[in-house]
Amino acid sequence: MDNTFSALANKTRRQILDFVKNNPACLVNDISRQFAMSRVAIMKHLKILEQANLLVTEKIGTSKHHYFNVIPIQQIYDRWTDEYSRFMASRLTGFKNQIEQQLQDDENEPEQDKKCS
């Protein structure tokens, strides 16, 4: 997971992932044309993304096709959002119950009491 966070910490690598996600099976030249940097620099970024398992490649002949791999990001999401979701769900349920109780109390309040408030 450290490799994933390290890879995602760089803006260019996040932009590369966006491009690959929107252009599955793209080649290094396709990616290089999107950025104002050398092909060698792009290849270094691609290597880091592959090591983090955020990119997977498929060799077809002499071409290397790139695909976005969502699994490492899904693992991050699952690890932290589940706990966060449980925390927020219990708070929201408590808030909902409080509002419903207030509405029920208002409905049961005698008419003369409502006029005074």
PDB file of N, CA and C in Angstrom:
ATOM      1  N   MET A   1       0.816  -1.192   0.000  1.00  0.00           N
ATOM      2  CA  MET A   1       0.000   0.000   0.000  1.00  0.00           C
ATOM      3  C   MET A   1       0.867   1.267   0.000  1.00  0.00           C
ATOM      4  N   ASP A   2       2.072   1.156   0.583  1.00  0.00           N
ATOM      5  CA  ASP A   2       2.992   2.297   0.557  1.00  0.00           C
ATOM      6  C   ASP A   2       3.340   2.690  -0.875  1.00  0.00           C
ATOM      7  N   ASN A   3       3.544   1.683  -1.734  1.00  0.00           N
ATOM      8  CA  ASN A   3       3.857   1.970  -3.139  1.00  0.00           C
ATOM      9  C   ASN A   3       2.705   2.703  -3.812  1.00  0.00           C
ATOM     10  N   THR A   4       1.495   2.351  -3.471  1.00  0.00           N
ATOM     11  CA  THR A   4       0.325   3.000  -4.059  1.00  0.00           C
ATOM     12  C   THR A   4       0.280   4.471  -3.661  1.00  0.00           C
ATOM     13  N   PHE A   5       0.442   4.747  -2.373  1.00  0.00           N
ATOM     14  CA  PHE A   5       0.408   6.138  -1.926  1.00  0.00           C
ATOM     15  C   PHE A   5       1.570   6.925  -2.514  1.00  0.00           C
ATOM     16  N   SER A   6       2.740   6.319  -2.555  1.00  0.00           N
ATOM     17  CA  SER A   6       3.908   6.997  -3.119  1.00  0.00           C
ATOM     18  C   SER A   6       3.676   7.330  -4.591  1.00  0.00           C
ATOM     19  N   ALA A   7       3.133   6.384  -5.337  1.00  0.00           N
ATOM     20  CA  ALA A   7       2.870   6.620  -6.763  1.00  0.00           C
ATOM     21  C   ALA A   7       1.816   7.706  -6.961  1.00  0.00           C
ATOM     22  N   LEU A   8       0.795   7.686  -6.143  1.00  0.00           N
ATOM     23  CA  LEU A   8      -0.291   8.662  -6.291  1.00  0.00           C
ATOM     24  C   LEU A   8       0.080  10.055  -5.777  1.00  0.00           C
ATOM     25  N   ALA A   9       1.183  10.165  -5.053  1.00  0.00           N
ATOM     26  CA  ALA A   9       1.597  11.459  -4.515  1.00  0.00           C
ATOM     27  C   ALA A   9       2.097  12.414  -5.593  1.00  0.00           C
ATOM     28  N   ASN A  10       2.373  11.903  -6.782  1.00  0.00           N
ATOM     29  CA  ASN A  10       2.892  12.724  -7.865  1.00  0.00           C
ATOM     30  C   ASN A  10       1.776  13.100  -8.837  1.00  0.00           C
ATOM     31  N   LYS A  11       1.661  14.409  -9.110  1.00  0.00           N
ATOM     32  CA  LYS A  11       0.585  14.907  -9.980  1.00  0.00           C
ATOM     33  C   LYS A  11       0.657  14.324 -11.396  1.00  0.00           C
ATOM     34  N   THR A  12       1.851  14.226 -11.956  1.00  0.00           N
ATOM     35  CA  THR A  12       1.988  13.684 -13.310  1.00  0.00           C
ATOM     36  C   THR A  12       1.509  12.240 -13.364  1.00  0.00           C
ATOM     37  N   ARG A  13       1.848  11.463 -12.345  1.00  0.00           N
ATOM     38  CA  ARG A  13       1.410  10.058 -12.348  1.00  0.00           C
ATOM     39  C   ARG A  13      -0.113   9.958 -12.225  1.00  0.00           C
ATOM     40  N   ARG A  14      -0.711  10.846 -11.450  1.00  0.00           N
ATOM     41  CA  ARG A  14      -2.183  10.834 -11.370  1.00  0.00           C
ATOM     42  C   ARG A  14      -2.785  11.205 -12.729  1.00  0.00           C
ATOM     43  N   GLN A  15      -2.164  12.152 -13.421  1.00  0.00           N
ATOM     44  CA  GLN A  15      -2.653  12.528 -14.748  1.00  0.00           C
ATOM     45  C   GLN A  15      -2.478  11.371 -15.742  1.00  0.00           C
ATOM     46  N   ILE A  16      -1.368  10.660 -15.627  1.00  0.00           N
ATOM     47  CA  ILE A  16      -1.156   9.492 -16.488  1.00  0.00           C
ATOM     48  C   ILE A  16      -2.245   8.452 -16.225  1.00  0.00           C
ATOM     49  N   LEU A  17      -2.540   8.220 -14.954  1.00  0.00           N
ATOM     50  CA  LEU A  17      -3.607   7.255 -14.632  1.00  0.00           C
ATOM     51  C   LEU A  17      -4.948   7.690 -15.215  1.00  0.00           C
ATOM     52  N   ASP A  18      -5.240   8.986 -15.112  1.00  0.00           N
ATOM     53  CA  ASP A  18      -6.488   9.489 -15.709  1.00  0.00           C
ATOM     54  C   ASP A  18      -6.520   9.212 -17.205  1.00  0.00           C
ATOM     55  N   PHE A  19      -5.401   9.482 -17.875  1.00  0.00           N
ATOM     56  CA  PHE A  19      -5.351   9.252 -19.320  1.00  0.00           C
ATOM     57  C   PHE A  19      -5.520   7.772 -19.646  1.00  0.00           C
ATOM     58  N   VAL A  20      -4.803   6.922 -18.937  1.00  0.00           N
ATOM     59  CA  VAL A  20      -4.883   5.481 -19.215  1.00  0.00           C
ATOM     60  C   VAL A  20      -6.280   4.944 -18.903  1.00  0.00           C
ATOM     61  N   LYS A  21      -6.877   5.455 -17.829  1.00  0.00           N
ATOM     62  CA  LYS A  21      -8.236   5.018 -17.478  1.00  0.00           C
ATOM     63  C   LYS A  21      -9.212   5.341 -18.611  1.00  0.00           C
ATOM     64  N   ASN A  22      -9.039   6.530 -19.200  1.00  0.00           N
ATOM     65  CA  ASN A  22      -9.943   6.952 -20.275  1.00  0.00           C
ATOM     66  C   ASN A  22      -9.543   6.413 -21.646  1.00  0.00           C
ATOM     67  N   ASN A  23      -8.340   5.852 -21.742  1.00  0.00           N
ATOM     68  CA  ASN A  23      -7.840   5.326 -23.017  1.00  0.00           C
ATOM     69  C   ASN A  23      -7.205   3.957 -22.805  1.00  0.00           C
ATOM     70  N   PRO A  24      -8.004   2.956 -22.451  1.00  0.00           N
ATOM     71  CA  PRO A  24      -7.430   1.635 -22.193  1.00  0.00           C
ATOM     72  C   PRO A  24      -6.686   1.100 -23.414  1.00  0.00           C
ATOM     73  N   ALA A  25      -5.642   0.354 -23.143  1.00  0.00           N
ATOM     74  CA  ALA A  25      -4.792  -0.259 -24.165  1.00  0.00           C
ATOM     75  C   ALA A  25      -3.909   0.764 -24.879  1.00  0.00           C
ATOM     76  N   CYS A  26      -3.729   1.926 -24.284  1.00  0.00           N
ATOM     77  CA  CYS A  26      -2.876   2.938 -24.921  1.00  0.00           C
ATOM     78  C   CYS A  26      -1.406   2.524 -24.837  1.00  0.00           C
ATOM     79  N   LEU A  27      -0.637   3.100 -25.748  1.00  0.00           N
ATOM     80  CA  LEU A  27       0.792   2.808 -25.830  1.00  0.00           C
ATOM     81  C   LEU A  27       1.583   3.939 -25.191  1.00  0.00           C
ATOM     82  N   VAL A  28       2.863   3.711 -24.966  1.00  0.00           N
ATOM     83  CA  VAL A  28       3.724   4.736 -24.362  1.00  0.00           C
ATOM     84  C   VAL A  28       3.697   6.014 -25.200  1.00  0.00           C
ATOM     85  N   ASN A  29       3.736   5.868 -26.513  1.00  0.00           N
ATOM     86  CA  ASN A  29       3.704   7.067 -27.377  1.00  0.00           C
ATOM     87  C   ASN A  29       2.403   7.851 -27.197  1.00  0.00           C
ATOM     88  N   ASP A  30       1.291   7.149 -27.016  1.00  0.00           N
ATOM     89  CA  ASP A  30       0.009   7.829 -26.789  1.00  0.00           C
ATOM     90  C   ASP A  30       0.078   8.646 -25.490  1.00  0.00           C
ATOM     91  N   ILE A  31       0.675   8.061 -24.491  1.00  0.00           N
ATOM     92  CA  ILE A  31       0.780   8.738 -23.191  1.00  0.00           C
ATOM     93  C   ILE A  31       1.765   9.900 -23.288  1.00  0.00           C
ATOM     94  N   SER A  32       2.895   9.665 -23.926  1.00  0.00           N
ATOM     95  CA  SER A  32       3.944  10.698 -24.038  1.00  0.00           C
ATOM     96  C   SER A  32       3.436  11.954 -24.727  1.00  0.00           C
ATOM     97  N   ARG A  33       2.584  11.782 -25.719  1.00  0.00           N
ATOM     98  CA  ARG A  33       2.063  12.953 -26.459  1.00  0.00           C
ATOM     99  C   ARG A  33       1.217  13.870 -25.573  1.00  0.00           C
ATOM    100  N   GLN A  34       0.746  13.357 -24.462  1.00  0.00           N
ATOM    101  CA  GLN A  34      -0.130  14.150 -23.581  1.00  0.00           C
ATOM    102  C   GLN A  34       0.648  15.061 -22.632  1.00  0.00           C
ATOM    103  N   PHE A  35       1.959  14.860 -22.532  1.00  0.00           N
ATOM    104  CA  PHE A  35       2.747  15.565 -21.530  1.00  0.00           C
ATOM    105  C   PHE A  35       3.946  16.248 -22.173  1.00  0.00           C
ATOM    106  N   ALA A  36       4.310  17.383 -21.618  1.00  0.00           N
ATOM    107  CA  ALA A  36       5.462  18.137 -22.117  1.00  0.00           C
ATOM    108  C   ALA A  36       6.715  17.687 -21.372  1.00  0.00           C
ATOM    109  N   MET A  37       7.047  16.438 -21.560  1.00  0.00           N
ATOM    110  CA  MET A  37       8.281  15.908 -20.968  1.00  0.00           C
ATOM    111  C   MET A  37       8.778  14.779 -21.861  1.00  0.00           C
ATOM    112  N   SER A  38       9.993  14.372 -21.616  1.00  0.00           N
ATOM    113  CA  SER A  38      10.610  13.368 -22.487  1.00  0.00           C
ATOM    114  C   SER A  38       9.937  11.996 -22.320  1.00  0.00           C
ATOM    115  N   ARG A  39      10.102  11.191 -23.331  1.00  0.00           N
ATOM    116  CA  ARG A  39       9.581   9.819 -23.289  1.00  0.00           C
ATOM    117  C   ARG A  39      10.247   9.043 -22.152  1.00  0.00           C
ATOM    118  N   VAL A  40      11.520   9.327 -21.926  1.00  0.00           N
ATOM    119  CA  VAL A  40      12.244   8.640 -20.838  1.00  0.00           C
ATOM    120  C   VAL A  40      11.608   8.986 -19.492  1.00  0.00           C
ATOM    121  N   ALA A  41      11.265  10.248 -19.285  1.00  0.00           N
ATOM    122  CA  ALA A  41      10.623  10.660 -18.029  1.00  0.00           C
ATOM    123  C   ALA A  41       9.269   9.974 -17.874  1.00  0.00           C
ATOM    124  N   ILE A  42       8.521   9.904 -18.955  1.00  0.00           N
ATOM    125  CA  ILE A  42       7.216   9.220 -18.910  1.00  0.00           C
ATOM    126  C   ILE A  42       7.410   7.746 -18.576  1.00  0.00           C
ATOM    127  N   MET A  43       8.407   7.135 -19.159  1.00  0.00           N
ATOM    128  CA  MET A  43       8.646   5.709 -18.897  1.00  0.00           C
ATOM    129  C   MET A  43       9.011   5.477 -17.423  1.00  0.00           C
ATOM    130  N   LYS A  44       9.715   6.427 -16.814  1.00  0.00           N
ATOM    131  CA  LYS A  44      10.027   6.299 -15.385  1.00  0.00           C
ATOM    132  C   LYS A  44       8.750   6.362 -14.553  1.00  0.00           C
ATOM    133  N   HIS A  45       7.858   7.284 -14.914  1.00  0.00           N
ATOM    134  CA  HIS A  45       6.573   7.368 -14.206  1.00  0.00           C
ATOM    135  C   HIS A  45       5.761   6.078 -14.405  1.00  0.00           C
ATOM    136  N   LEU A  46       5.772   5.556 -15.623  1.00  0.00           N
ATOM    137  CA  LEU A  46       5.028   4.320 -15.898  1.00  0.00           C
ATOM    138  C   LEU A  46       5.580   3.146 -15.078  1.00  0.00           C
ATOM    139  N   LYS A  47       6.895   3.110 -14.945  1.00  0.00           N
ATOM    140  CA  LYS A  47       7.513   2.032 -14.164  1.00  0.00           C
ATOM    141  C   LYS A  47       7.060   2.091 -12.702  1.00  0.00           C
ATOM    142  N   ILE A  48       7.023   3.290 -12.158  1.00  0.00           N
ATOM    143  CA  ILE A  48       6.572   3.455 -10.760  1.00  0.00           C
ATOM    144  C   ILE A  48       5.105   3.049 -10.624  1.00  0.00           C
ATOM    145  N   LEU A  49       4.287   3.423 -11.588  1.00  0.00           N
ATOM    146  CA  LEU A  49       2.868   3.050 -11.555  1.00  0.00           C
ATOM    147  C   LEU A  49       2.688   1.534 -11.676  1.00  0.00           C
ATOM    148  N   GLU A  50       3.528   0.908 -12.494  1.00  0.00           N
ATOM    149  CA  GLU A  50       3.461  -0.551 -12.625  1.00  0.00           C
ATOM    150  C   GLU A  50       3.903  -1.231 -11.332  1.00  0.00           C
ATOM    151  N   GLN A  51       4.959  -0.710 -10.698  1.00  0.00           N
ATOM    152  CA  GLN A  51       5.439  -1.295  -9.442  1.00  0.00           C
ATOM    153  C   GLN A  51       4.385  -1.168  -8.337  1.00  0.00           C
ATOM    154  N   ALA A  52       3.593  -0.110  -8.406  1.00  0.00           N
ATOM    155  CA  ALA A  52       2.515   0.085  -7.432  1.00  0.00           C
ATOM    156  C   ALA A  52       1.269  -0.712  -7.819  1.00  0.00           C
ATOM    157  N   ASN A  53       1.348  -1.414  -8.944  1.00  0.00           N
ATOM    158  CA  ASN A  53       0.248  -2.235  -9.446  1.00  0.00           C
ATOM    159  C   ASN A  53      -0.963  -1.395  -9.867  1.00  0.00           C
ATOM    160  N   LEU A  54      -0.718  -0.103 -10.116  1.00  0.00           N
ATOM    161  CA  LEU A  54      -1.809   0.758 -10.584  1.00  0.00           C
ATOM    162  C   LEU A  54      -1.977   0.662 -12.093  1.00  0.00           C
ATOM    163  N   LEU A  55      -0.941   0.211 -12.758  1.00  0.00           N
ATOM    164  CA  LEU A  55      -1.002  -0.035 -14.195  1.00  0.00           C
ATOM    165  C   LEU A  55      -0.642  -1.484 -14.454  1.00  0.00           C
ATOM    166  N   VAL A  56      -1.375  -2.094 -15.343  1.00  0.00           N
ATOM    167  CA  VAL A  56      -1.007  -3.421 -15.821  1.00  0.00           C
ATOM    168  C   VAL A  56      -0.778  -3.300 -17.317  1.00  0.00           C
ATOM    169  N   THR A  57       0.093  -4.142 -17.816  1.00  0.00           N
ATOM    170  CA  THR A  57       0.426  -4.057 -19.235  1.00  0.00           C
ATOM    171  C   THR A  57       0.204  -5.397 -19.904  1.00  0.00           C
ATOM    172  N   GLU A  58       0.013  -5.304 -21.205  1.00  0.00           N
ATOM    173  CA  GLU A  58      -0.143  -6.500 -22.030  1.00  0.00           C
ATOM    174  C   GLU A  58       0.729  -6.300 -23.252  1.00  0.00           C
ATOM    175  N   LYS A  59       1.604  -7.239 -23.491  1.00  0.00           N
ATOM    176  CA  LYS A  59       2.469  -7.156 -24.662  1.00  0.00           C
ATOM    177  C   LYS A  59       1.794  -7.842 -25.831  1.00  0.00           C
ATOM    178  N   ILE A  60       1.668  -7.105 -26.909  1.00  0.00           N
ATOM    179  CA  ILE A  60       1.124  -7.675 -28.140  1.00  0.00           C
ATOM    180  C   ILE A  60       2.153  -7.379 -29.223  1.00  0.00           C
ATOM    181  N   GLY A  61       2.869  -8.407 -29.635  1.00  0.00           N
ATOM    182  CA  GLY A  61       3.978  -8.211 -30.580  1.00  0.00           C
ATOM    183  C   GLY A  61       5.051  -7.389 -29.898  1.00  0.00           C
ATOM    184  N   THR A  62       5.405  -6.279 -30.512  1.00  0.00           N
ATOM    185  CA  THR A  62       6.416  -5.402 -29.921  1.00  0.00           C
ATOM    186  C   THR A  62       5.775  -4.254 -29.147  1.00  0.00           C
ATOM    187  N   SER A  63       4.458  -4.207 -29.106  1.00  0.00           N
ATOM    188  CA  SER A  63       3.752  -3.108 -28.430  1.00  0.00           C
ATOM    189  C   SER A  63       3.382  -3.500 -27.012  1.00  0.00           C
ATOM    190  N   LYS A  64       3.419  -2.515 -26.136  1.00  0.00           N
ATOM    191  CA  LYS A  64       3.046  -2.725 -24.735  1.00  0.00           C
ATOM    192  C   LYS A  64       1.820  -1.854 -24.448  1.00  0.00           C
ATOM    193  N   HIS A  65       0.704  -2.498 -24.204  1.00  0.00           N
ATOM    194  CA  HIS A  65      -0.548  -1.795 -23.963  1.00  0.00           C
ATOM    195  C   HIS A  65      -0.753  -1.602 -22.462  1.00  0.00           C
ATOM    196  N   HIS A  66      -1.234  -0.431 -22.093  1.00  0.00           N
ATOM    197  CA  HIS A  66      -1.384  -0.083 -20.674  1.00  0.00           C
ATOM    198  C   HIS A  66      -2.856  -0.026 -20.282  1.00  0.00           C
ATOM    199  N   TYR A  67      -3.123  -0.551 -19.081  1.00  0.00           N
ATOM    200  CA  TYR A  67      -4.483  -0.546 -18.539  1.00  0.00           C
ATOM    201  C   TYR A  67      -4.441  -0.069 -17.092  1.00  0.00           C
ATOM    202  N   PHE A  68      -5.443   0.660 -16.711  1.00  0.00           N
ATOM    203  CA  PHE A  68      -5.575   1.104 -15.326  1.00  0.00           C
ATOM    204  C   PHE A  68      -6.076  -0.062 -14.483  1.00  0.00           C
ATOM    205  N   ASN A  69      -5.440  -0.274 -13.339  1.00  0.00           N
ATOM    206  CA  ASN A  69      -5.842  -1.338 -12.415  1.00  0.00           C
ATOM    207  C   ASN A  69      -6.459  -0.681 -11.177  1.00  0.00           C
ATOM    208  N   VAL A  70      -7.716  -0.846 -10.993  1.00  0.00           N
ATOM    209  CA  VAL A  70      -8.433  -0.176  -9.908  1.00  0.00           C
ATOM    210  C   VAL A  70      -8.262  -0.870  -8.552  1.00  0.00           C
ATOM    211  N   ILE A  71      -7.750  -2.079  -8.537  1.00  0.00           N
ATOM    212  CA  ILE A  71      -7.717  -2.871  -7.292  1.00  0.00           C
ATOM    213  C   ILE A  71      -6.967  -2.182  -6.149  1.00  0.00           C
ATOM    214  N   PRO A  72      -5.763  -1.624  -6.351  1.00  0.00           N
ATOM    215  CA  PRO A  72      -5.097  -0.966  -5.215  1.00  0.00           C
ATOM    216  C   PRO A  72      -5.904   0.204  -4.638  1.00  0.00           C
ATOM    217  N   ILE A  73      -6.566   0.942  -5.480  1.00  0.00           N
ATOM    218  CA  ILE A  73      -7.381   2.065  -4.999  1.00  0.00           C
ATOM    219  C   ILE A  73      -8.621   1.537  -4.278  1.00  0.00           C
ATOM    220  N   GLN A  74      -9.189   0.459  -4.788  1.00  0.00           N
ATOM    221  CA  GLN A  74     -10.341  -0.152  -4.117  1.00  0.00           C
ATOM    222  C   GLN A  74      -9.949  -0.662  -2.735  1.00  0.00           C
ATOM    223  N   GLN A  75      -8.740  -1.204  -2.618  1.00  0.00           N
ATOM    224  CA  GLN A  75      -8.266  -1.689  -1.307  1.00  0.00           C
ATOM    225  C   GLN A  75      -8.141  -0.534  -0.325  1.00  0.00           C
ATOM    226  N   ILE A  76      -7.639   0.606  -0.783  1.00  0.00           N
ATOM    227  CA  ILE A  76      -7.542   1.791   0.078  1.00  0.00           C
ATOM    228  C   ILE A  76      -8.940   2.230   0.485  1.00  0.00           C
ATOM    229  N   TYR A  77      -9.833   2.286  -0.471  1.00  0.00           N
ATOM    230  CA  TYR A  77     -11.214   2.696  -0.201  1.00  0.00           C
ATOM    231  C   TYR A  77     -11.860   1.771   0.837  1.00  0.00           C
ATOM    232  N   ASP A  78     -11.707   0.464   0.616  1.00  0.00           N
ATOM    233  CA  ASP A  78     -12.321  -0.508   1.529  1.00  0.00           C
ATOM    234  C   ASP A  78     -11.749  -0.397   2.938  1.00  0.00           C
ATOM    235  N   ARG A  79     -10.450  -0.167   3.017  1.00  0.00           N
ATOM    236  CA  ARG A  79      -9.809  -0.139   4.332  1.00  0.00           C
ATOM    237  C   ARG A  79     -10.303   1.010   5.198  1.00  0.00           C
ATOM    238  N   TRP A  80     -10.436   2.209   4.616  1.00  0.00           N
ATOM    239  CA  TRP A  80     -10.761   3.355   5.447  1.00  0.00           C
ATOM    240  C   TRP A  80     -12.204   3.820   5.359  1.00  0.00           C
ATOM    241  N   THR A  81     -12.797   3.668   4.220  1.00  0.00           N
ATOM    242  CA  THR A  81     -14.164   4.180   4.119  1.00  0.00           C
ATOM    243  C   THR A  81     -15.161   3.310   4.866  1.00  0.00           C
ATOM    244  N   ASP A  82     -14.894   2.014   5.013  1.00  0.00           N
ATOM    245  CA  ASP A  82     -15.829   1.178   5.763  1.00  0.00           C
ATOM    246  C   ASP A  82     -15.963   1.668   7.202  1.00  0.00           C
ATOM    247  N   GLU A  83     -14.833   1.913   7.868  1.00  0.00           N
ATOM    248  CA  GLU A  83     -14.874   2.408   9.243  1.00  0.00           C
ATOM    249  C   GLU A  83     -15.502   3.790   9.305  1.00  0.00           C
ATOM    250  N   TYR A  84     -15.117   4.627   8.363  1.00  0.00           N
ATOM    251  CA  TYR A  84     -15.677   5.970   8.322  1.00  0.00           C
ATOM    252  C   TYR A  84     -17.184   5.905   8.084  1.00  0.00           C
ATOM    253  N   SER A  85     -17.582   5.053   7.156  1.00  0.00           N
ATOM    254  CA  SER A  85     -19.011   4.929   6.850  1.00  0.00           C
ATOM    255  C   SER A  85     -19.795   4.464   8.073  1.00  0.00           C
ATOM    256  N   ARG A  86     -19.250   3.483   8.802  1.00  0.00           N
ATOM    257  CA  ARG A  86     -19.925   3.010  10.009  1.00  0.00           C
ATOM    258  C   ARG A  86     -20.057   4.138  11.025  1.00  0.00           C
ATOM    259  N   PHE A  87     -18.987   4.906  11.187  1.00  0.00           N
ATOM    260  CA  PHE A  87     -19.002   6.026  12.126  1.00  0.00           C
ATOM    261  C   PHE A  87     -20.077   7.028  11.730  1.00  0.00           C
ATOM    262  N   MET A  88     -20.095   7.402  10.464  1.00  0.00           N
ATOM    263  CA  MET A  88     -21.067   8.392   9.999  1.00  0.00           C
ATOM    264  C   MET A  88     -22.479   7.822  10.006  1.00  0.00           C
ATOM    265  N   ALA A  89     -22.628   6.554   9.674  1.00  0.00           N
ATOM    266  CA  ALA A  89     -23.960   5.953   9.647  1.00  0.00           C
ATOM    267  C   ALA A  89     -24.586   5.978  11.034  1.00  0.00           C
ATOM    268  N   SER A  90     -23.806   5.670  12.071  1.00  0.00           N
ATOM    269  CA  SER A  90     -24.380   5.675  13.422  1.00  0.00           C
ATOM    270  C   SER A  90     -24.755   7.097  13.845  1.00  0.00           C
ATOM    271  N   ARG A  91     -23.945   8.072  13.486  1.00  0.00           N
ATOM    272  CA  ARG A  91     -24.263   9.461  13.832  1.00  0.00           C
ATOM    273  C   ARG A  91     -25.511   9.943  13.080  1.00  0.00           C
ATOM    274  N   LEU A  92     -25.586   9.601  11.792  1.00  0.00           N
ATOM    275  CA  LEU A  92     -26.748  10.008  11.004  1.00  0.00           C
ATOM    276  C   LEU A  92     -28.017   9.315  11.486  1.00  0.00           C
ATOM    277  N   THR A  93     -27.909   8.051  11.895  1.00  0.00           N
ATOM    278  CA  THR A  93     -29.069   7.343  12.431  1.00  0.00           C
ATOM    279  C   THR A  93     -29.539   8.012  13.708  1.00  0.00           C
ATOM    280  N   GLY A  94     -28.611   8.391  14.583  1.00  0.00           N
ATOM    281  CA  GLY A  94     -28.963   9.093  15.811  1.00  0.00           C
ATOM    282  C   GLY A  94     -29.641  10.422  15.516  1.00  0.00           C
ATOM    283  N   PHE A  95     -29.110  11.156  14.540  1.00  0.00           N
ATOM    284  CA  PHE A  95     -29.702  12.435  14.142  1.00  0.00           C
ATOM    285  C   PHE A  95     -31.110  12.231  13.596  1.00  0.00           C
ATOM    286  N   LYS A  96     -31.293  11.203  12.755  1.00  0.00           N
ATOM    287  CA  LYS A  96     -32.609  10.901  12.172  1.00  0.00           C
ATOM    288  C   LYS A  96     -33.605  10.559  13.280  1.00  0.00           C
ATOM    289  N   ASN A  97     -33.190   9.720  14.230  1.00  0.00           N
ATOM    290  CA  ASN A  97     -34.076   9.342  15.337  1.00  0.00           C
ATOM    291  C   ASN A  97     -34.468  10.565  16.164  1.00  0.00           C
ATOM    292  N   GLN A  98     -33.513  11.460  16.378  1.00  0.00           N
ATOM    293  CA  GLN A  98     -33.790  12.674  17.152  1.00  0.00           C
ATOM    294  C   GLN A  98     -34.826  13.555  16.433  1.00  0.00           C
ATOM    295  N   ILE A  99     -34.685  13.716  15.143  1.00  0.00           N
ATOM    296  CA  ILE A  99     -35.635  14.521  14.361  1.00  0.00           C
ATOM    297  C   ILE A  99     -37.020  13.873  14.371  1.00  0.00           C
ATOM    298  N   GLU A 100     -37.065  12.550  14.180  1.00  0.00           N
ATOM    299  CA  GLU A 100     -38.354  11.853  14.188  1.00  0.00           C
ATOM    300  C   GLU A 100     -39.034  11.981  15.549  1.00  0.00           C
ATOM    301  N   GLN A 101     -38.257  11.888  16.623  1.00  0.00           N
ATOM    302  CA  GLN A 101     -38.816  12.027  17.968  1.00  0.00           C
ATOM    303  C   GLN A 101     -39.363  13.435  18.171  1.00  0.00           C
ATOM    304  N   GLN A 102     -38.638  14.433  17.684  1.00  0.00           N
ATOM    305  CA  GLN A 102     -39.083  15.824  17.804  1.00  0.00           C
ATOM    306  C   GLN A 102     -40.394  16.043  17.040  1.00  0.00           C
ATOM    307  N   LEU A 103     -40.478  15.469  15.823  1.00  0.00           N
ATOM    308  CA  LEU A 103     -41.705  15.592  15.041  1.00  0.00           C
ATOM    309  C   LEU A 103     -42.878  14.903  15.739  1.00  0.00           C
ATOM    310  N   GLN A 104     -42.609  13.732  16.310  1.00  0.00           N
ATOM    311  CA  GLN A 104     -43.652  12.994  17.026  1.00  0.00           C
ATOM    312  C   GLN A 104     -44.107  13.780  18.265  1.00  0.00           C
ATOM    313  N   ASP A 105     -43.167  14.372  18.989  1.00  0.00           N
ATOM    314  CA  ASP A 105     -43.506  15.181  20.162  1.00  0.00           C
ATOM    315  C   ASP A 105     -44.348  16.390  19.762  1.00  0.00           C
ATOM    316  N   ASP A 106     -44.003  17.018  18.628  1.00  0.00           N
ATOM    317  CA  ASP A 106     -44.761  18.173  18.147  1.00  0.00           C
ATOM    318  C   ASP A 106     -46.189  17.798  17.780  1.00  0.00           C
ATOM    319  N   GLU A 107     -46.378  16.587  17.195  1.00  0.00           N
ATOM    320  CA  GLU A 107     -47.714  16.132  16.825  1.00  0.00           C
ATOM    321  C   GLU A 107     -48.564  15.821  18.060  1.00  0.00           C
ATOM    322  N   ASN A 108     -47.929  15.321  19.109  1.00  0.00           N
ATOM    323  CA  ASN A 108     -48.650  14.957  20.332  1.00  0.00           C
ATOM    324  C   ASN A 108     -48.878  16.136  21.265  1.00  0.00           C
ATOM    325  N   GLU A 109     -48.260  17.239  20.990  1.00  0.00           N
ATOM    326  CA  GLU A 109     -48.387  18.410  21.853  1.00  0.00           C
ATOM    327  C   GLU A 109     -49.819  18.959  21.736  1.00  0.00           C
ATOM    328  N   PRO A 110     -50.458  19.271  22.860  1.00  0.00           N
ATOM    329  CA  PRO A 110     -51.817  19.814  22.803  1.00  0.00           C
ATOM    330  C   PRO A 110     -51.856  21.128  22.011  1.00  0.00           C
ATOM    331  N   GLU A 111     -53.008  21.391  21.387  1.00  0.00           N
ATOM    332  CA  GLU A 111     -53.175  22.574  20.538  1.00  0.00           C
ATOM    333  C   GLU A 111     -52.908  23.875  21.289  1.00  0.00           C
ATOM    334  N   GLN A 112     -53.351  23.972  22.541  1.00  0.00           N
ATOM    335  CA  GLN A 112     -53.162  25.218  23.279  1.00  0.00           C
ATOM    336  C   GLN A 112     -51.687  25.505  23.556  1.00  0.00           C
ATOM    337  N   ASP A 113     -50.879  24.430  23.744  1.00  0.00           N
ATOM    338  CA  ASP A 113     -49.450  24.624  23.964  1.00  0.00           C
ATOM    339  C   ASP A 113     -48.770  25.149  22.706  1.00  0.00           C
ATOM    340  N   LYS A 114     -49.254  24.715  21.519  1.00  0.00           N
ATOM    341  CA  LYS A 114     -48.647  25.149  20.271  1.00  0.00           C
ATOM    342  C   LYS A 114     -48.818  26.644  20.071  1.00  0.00           C
ATOM    343  N   LYS A 115     -49.962  27.196  20.513  1.00  0.00           N
ATOM    344  CA  LYS A 115     -50.230  28.610  20.314  1.00  0.00           C
ATOM    345  C   LYS A 115     -49.272  29.479  21.132  1.00  0.00           C
ATOM    346  N   CYS A 116     -48.866  28.987  22.275  1.00  0.00           N
ATOM    347  CA  CYS A 116     -47.987  29.766  23.142  1.00  0.00           C
ATOM    348  C   CYS A 116     -46.561  29.827  22.623  1.00  0.00           C
ATOM    349  N   SER A 117     -46.131  28.841  21.890  1.00  0.00           N
ATOM    350  CA  SER A 117     -44.733  28.820  21.485  1.00  0.00           C
ATOM    351  C   SER A 117     -44.471  29.453  20.169  1.00  0.00           C
TER     352      SER A 117
END
